[in-house]
Amino acid sequence: MKMRFTLRPNIINHRDINVLAFYSGQHINYIINVYSNDNQNALQVLNCNIIDLNDTVVITGNFNIRNNNWDPNYPHHSIYTEDLFTVAESLGLDLSPPLNPSPTRFADNLHDTNSVIDLVFINPNNPGFSQHSLHSELHRPSDHVPFIIEVGINKTNIDNSFWSICKDSEEEKNFIKAITDNILALDTTNITSKENLETIVQ
């Protein structure tokens, strides 16, 4: 079965948010990768687009949020934590603790400390996505640690059937002619606004 992974900028068109769609055999699921800067621009965009993100199974990325809940070396709680959990909970996702906790970003100077700012949220009711692991030995030359999330693939074949018209058949010719005739029959003499055009198209 082809899962057909596809980038979907039509859902969220933002340079720091990648929405990846794939077909699970029954419906479309989404994986979302995020980079949210110090001003939390991407997080605010996610907050405004929750309604369009149903069937999201994973949100992950660099959220630039330090919080004692997931970073034991940091004594404070970020003011953005509530917004982040609002997005996750609205989609039915839980924060996923790594199997081998460690910093996810290594400081590149002597003044900063290593931190945990890269997070994974998964759907706890989806058995196909389990906990993730961190691989700090693979982080160079990046200062961020790669994640690995195990994805279970069902071995059962799912049969799909659909109606189609054979290429170059009489049915195809008649279908194309019917579409062409209907388009040519449209009254386009009164397109004076976007609303008029939309009505004609519908």
Protein backbone atom coordinates (compact mmCIF):
# COMPACT_ATOMS: atom_id res chain seq x y z
CA MET A 1 0.00 0.00 0.00
CA LYS A 2 1.39 3.39 -0.96
CA MET A 3 1.33 5.86 1.93
CA ARG A 4 1.90 8.81 -0.43
CA PHE A 5 3.71 11.26 1.85
CA THR A 6 3.02 14.78 0.62
CA LEU A 7 3.89 18.30 1.82
CA ARG A 8 0.70 20.31 2.32
CA PRO A 9 1.41 24.07 2.32
CA ASN A 10 -2.27 24.60 1.45
CA ILE A 11 -3.15 23.69 5.06
CA ILE A 12 -0.59 25.95 6.73
CA ASN A 13 1.55 28.14 4.51
CA HIS A 14 4.35 29.16 6.85
CA ARG A 15 8.09 28.86 6.34
CA ASP A 16 8.64 27.41 9.82
CA ILE A 17 5.82 24.84 9.78
CA ASN A 18 5.89 21.78 7.53
CA VAL A 19 2.67 19.77 7.33
CA LEU A 20 3.27 16.29 5.91
CA ALA A 21 0.22 14.22 4.91
CA PHE A 22 0.12 10.48 4.38
CA TYR A 23 -2.57 7.95 3.59
CA SER A 24 -3.00 5.24 6.23
CA GLY A 25 -5.33 3.03 4.19
CA GLN A 26 -8.45 4.52 5.78
CA HIS A 27 -7.95 8.28 5.95
CA ILE A 28 -5.37 11.05 5.76
CA ASN A 29 -3.03 11.62 8.73
CA TYR A 30 -0.65 14.50 9.36
CA ILE A 31 2.85 14.88 10.78
CA ILE A 32 3.84 18.46 11.61
CA ASN A 33 7.40 19.72 12.00
CA VAL A 34 7.84 23.08 13.70
CA TYR A 35 10.51 25.69 14.29
CA SER A 36 9.20 28.38 16.63
CA ASN A 37 11.53 31.33 17.19
CA ASP A 38 12.00 33.30 20.42
CA ASN A 39 8.84 35.29 19.67
CA GLN A 40 6.88 32.04 19.21
CA ASN A 41 5.54 33.06 15.79
CA ALA A 42 4.98 29.49 14.60
CA LEU A 43 3.25 28.53 17.84
CA GLN A 44 0.77 31.36 17.40
CA VAL A 45 0.11 30.26 13.80
CA LEU A 46 -0.60 26.73 15.07
CA ASN A 47 -2.96 28.16 17.67
CA CYS A 48 -4.95 29.83 14.90
CA ASN A 49 -5.11 26.72 12.69
CA ILE A 50 -6.05 23.96 15.13
CA ILE A 51 -9.39 23.41 13.38
CA ASP A 52 -7.59 22.41 10.15
CA LEU A 53 -5.24 19.90 11.77
CA ASN A 54 -7.53 17.00 12.66
CA ASP A 55 -5.98 13.52 12.37
CA THR A 56 -2.53 14.79 13.35
CA VAL A 57 -0.50 11.91 14.78
CA VAL A 58 2.78 13.70 15.55
CA ILE A 59 3.91 17.28 16.15
CA THR A 60 7.63 17.68 16.67
CA GLY A 61 10.36 20.25 16.32
CA ASN A 62 12.30 23.02 18.00
CA PHE A 63 9.79 24.99 20.06
CA ASN A 64 12.40 27.18 21.80
CA ILE A 65 10.55 26.72 25.09
CA ARG A 66 12.55 25.86 28.18
CA ASN A 67 10.50 24.48 31.02
CA ASN A 68 11.23 22.53 34.18
CA ASN A 69 8.59 19.97 33.12
CA TRP A 70 10.96 18.53 30.52
CA ASP A 71 14.29 20.22 31.28
CA PRO A 72 15.36 19.30 34.85
CA ASN A 73 18.35 21.67 34.68
CA TYR A 74 16.08 24.65 34.10
CA PRO A 75 14.36 25.96 37.25
CA HIS A 76 11.56 27.98 35.62
CA HIS A 77 8.32 27.54 33.68
CA SER A 78 7.87 29.32 30.36
CA ILE A 79 4.92 31.63 29.79
CA TYR A 80 4.42 29.88 26.41
CA THR A 81 3.91 26.42 27.88
CA GLU A 82 0.15 26.85 28.19
CA ASP A 83 -0.19 27.83 24.50
CA LEU A 84 1.87 24.82 23.45
CA PHE A 85 -0.23 22.40 25.50
CA THR A 86 -3.44 24.02 24.25
CA VAL A 87 -2.44 23.15 20.70
CA ALA A 88 -1.42 19.60 21.64
CA GLU A 89 -4.48 18.85 23.74
CA SER A 90 -6.85 20.23 21.09
CA LEU A 91 -5.44 17.65 18.70
CA GLY A 92 -5.51 14.80 21.21
CA LEU A 93 -1.71 14.72 21.52
CA ASP A 94 0.42 14.14 24.61
CA LEU A 95 4.01 15.15 25.29
CA SER A 96 6.17 12.10 24.61
CA PRO A 97 9.08 11.60 27.01
CA PRO A 98 12.15 10.18 25.23
CA LEU A 99 13.34 6.69 26.08
CA ASN A 100 16.78 8.12 26.88
CA PRO A 101 16.37 11.67 28.25
CA SER A 102 19.20 14.08 27.51
CA PRO A 103 19.68 17.64 26.22
CA THR A 104 18.30 18.14 22.73
CA ARG A 105 20.41 21.23 21.97
CA PHE A 106 24.09 21.57 22.81
CA ALA A 107 25.30 25.08 23.60
CA ASP A 108 27.83 26.50 21.14
CA ASN A 109 29.49 28.80 23.69
CA LEU A 110 30.67 28.79 27.32
CA HIS A 111 27.97 31.16 28.57
CA ASP A 112 24.89 29.06 27.73
CA THR A 113 23.95 25.63 29.01
CA ASN A 114 22.73 22.60 27.12
CA SER A 115 18.95 22.56 26.94
CA VAL A 116 15.82 20.60 26.10
CA ILE A 117 13.84 22.61 23.53
CA ASP A 118 13.07 19.95 20.90
CA LEU A 119 9.87 18.11 21.77
CA VAL A 120 7.61 15.37 20.42
CA PHE A 121 3.84 15.18 20.88
CA ILE A 122 2.07 11.99 19.80
CA ASN A 123 -1.42 10.57 19.86
CA PRO A 124 -1.47 8.07 22.75
CA ASN A 125 -4.33 6.15 21.12
CA ASN A 126 -2.42 5.54 17.88
CA PRO A 127 -0.49 2.26 18.25
CA GLY A 128 1.51 2.96 15.11
CA PHE A 129 3.62 5.66 16.77
CA SER A 130 5.61 4.72 19.86
CA GLN A 131 8.06 6.64 22.03
CA HIS A 132 11.05 8.37 20.50
CA SER A 133 14.74 8.11 21.28
CA LEU A 134 17.48 10.73 21.16
CA HIS A 135 20.77 10.15 19.36
CA SER A 136 23.24 12.70 20.64
CA GLU A 137 26.15 10.86 19.02
CA LEU A 138 24.72 11.86 15.62
CA HIS A 139 24.15 15.56 16.26
CA ARG A 140 27.31 17.01 14.73
CA PRO A 141 27.68 19.29 12.81
CA SER A 142 24.23 20.44 14.00
CA ASP A 143 23.80 21.61 17.59
CA HIS A 144 20.46 19.78 17.77
CA VAL A 145 20.05 16.08 18.51
CA PRO A 146 18.33 13.83 15.92
CA PHE A 147 15.19 11.98 17.02
CA ILE A 148 14.08 8.55 15.93
CA ILE A 149 10.39 7.64 16.24
CA GLU A 150 9.44 4.03 15.59
CA VAL A 151 6.45 3.70 13.30
CA GLY A 152 4.51 0.46 13.20
CA ILE A 153 3.30 -0.62 9.77
CA ASN A 154 0.34 -2.96 9.70
CA LYS A 155 1.20 -6.14 7.82
CA THR A 156 -2.41 -6.67 6.77
CA ASN A 157 -3.18 -5.72 3.20
CA ILE A 158 -6.06 -3.29 2.89
CA ASP A 159 -7.95 -3.74 -0.35
CA ASN A 160 -9.25 -0.55 -1.95
CA SER A 161 -11.64 -0.44 -4.86
CA PHE A 162 -12.80 2.48 -6.95
CA TRP A 163 -14.70 3.17 -10.15
CA SER A 164 -12.70 4.35 -13.14
CA ILE A 165 -13.11 4.97 -16.85
CA CYS A 166 -10.79 3.11 -19.20
CA LYS A 167 -8.41 5.29 -21.16
CA ASP A 168 -9.40 5.94 -24.82
CA SER A 169 -12.76 4.18 -24.33
CA GLU A 170 -16.12 5.44 -25.57
CA GLU A 171 -17.06 6.16 -21.96
CA GLU A 172 -14.02 8.44 -21.61
CA LYS A 173 -14.84 10.28 -24.84
CA ASN A 174 -18.47 10.78 -23.76
CA PHE A 175 -17.39 11.95 -20.30
CA ILE A 176 -14.94 14.51 -21.69
CA LYS A 177 -17.53 15.72 -24.22
CA ALA A 178 -20.13 16.17 -21.48
CA ILE A 179 -17.71 18.24 -19.40
CA THR A 180 -16.65 20.31 -22.41
CA ASP A 181 -20.26 20.96 -23.46
CA ASN A 182 -21.19 22.08 -19.94
CA ILE A 183 -18.21 24.44 -19.73
CA LEU A 184 -19.00 25.95 -23.12
CA ALA A 185 -22.61 26.43 -22.07
CA LEU A 186 -21.67 28.58 -19.06
CA ASP A 187 -22.89 32.18 -19.24
CA THR A 188 -19.74 34.25 -18.67
CA THR A 189 -21.15 37.58 -19.80
CA ASN A 190 -21.91 38.78 -16.26
CA ILE A 191 -18.61 38.23 -14.43
CA THR A 192 -18.35 41.55 -12.65
CA SER A 193 -17.04 40.35 -9.30
CA LYS A 194 -15.30 37.51 -7.54
CA GLU A 195 -18.67 36.43 -6.11
CA ASN A 196 -20.21 36.18 -9.60
CA LEU A 197 -17.29 34.10 -10.79
CA GLU A 198 -17.58 31.79 -7.79
CA THR A 199 -21.28 31.30 -8.47
CA ILE A 200 -20.61 30.36 -12.09
CA VAL A 201 -17.84 27.96 -11.13
CA GLN A 202 -20.06 26.26 -8.55
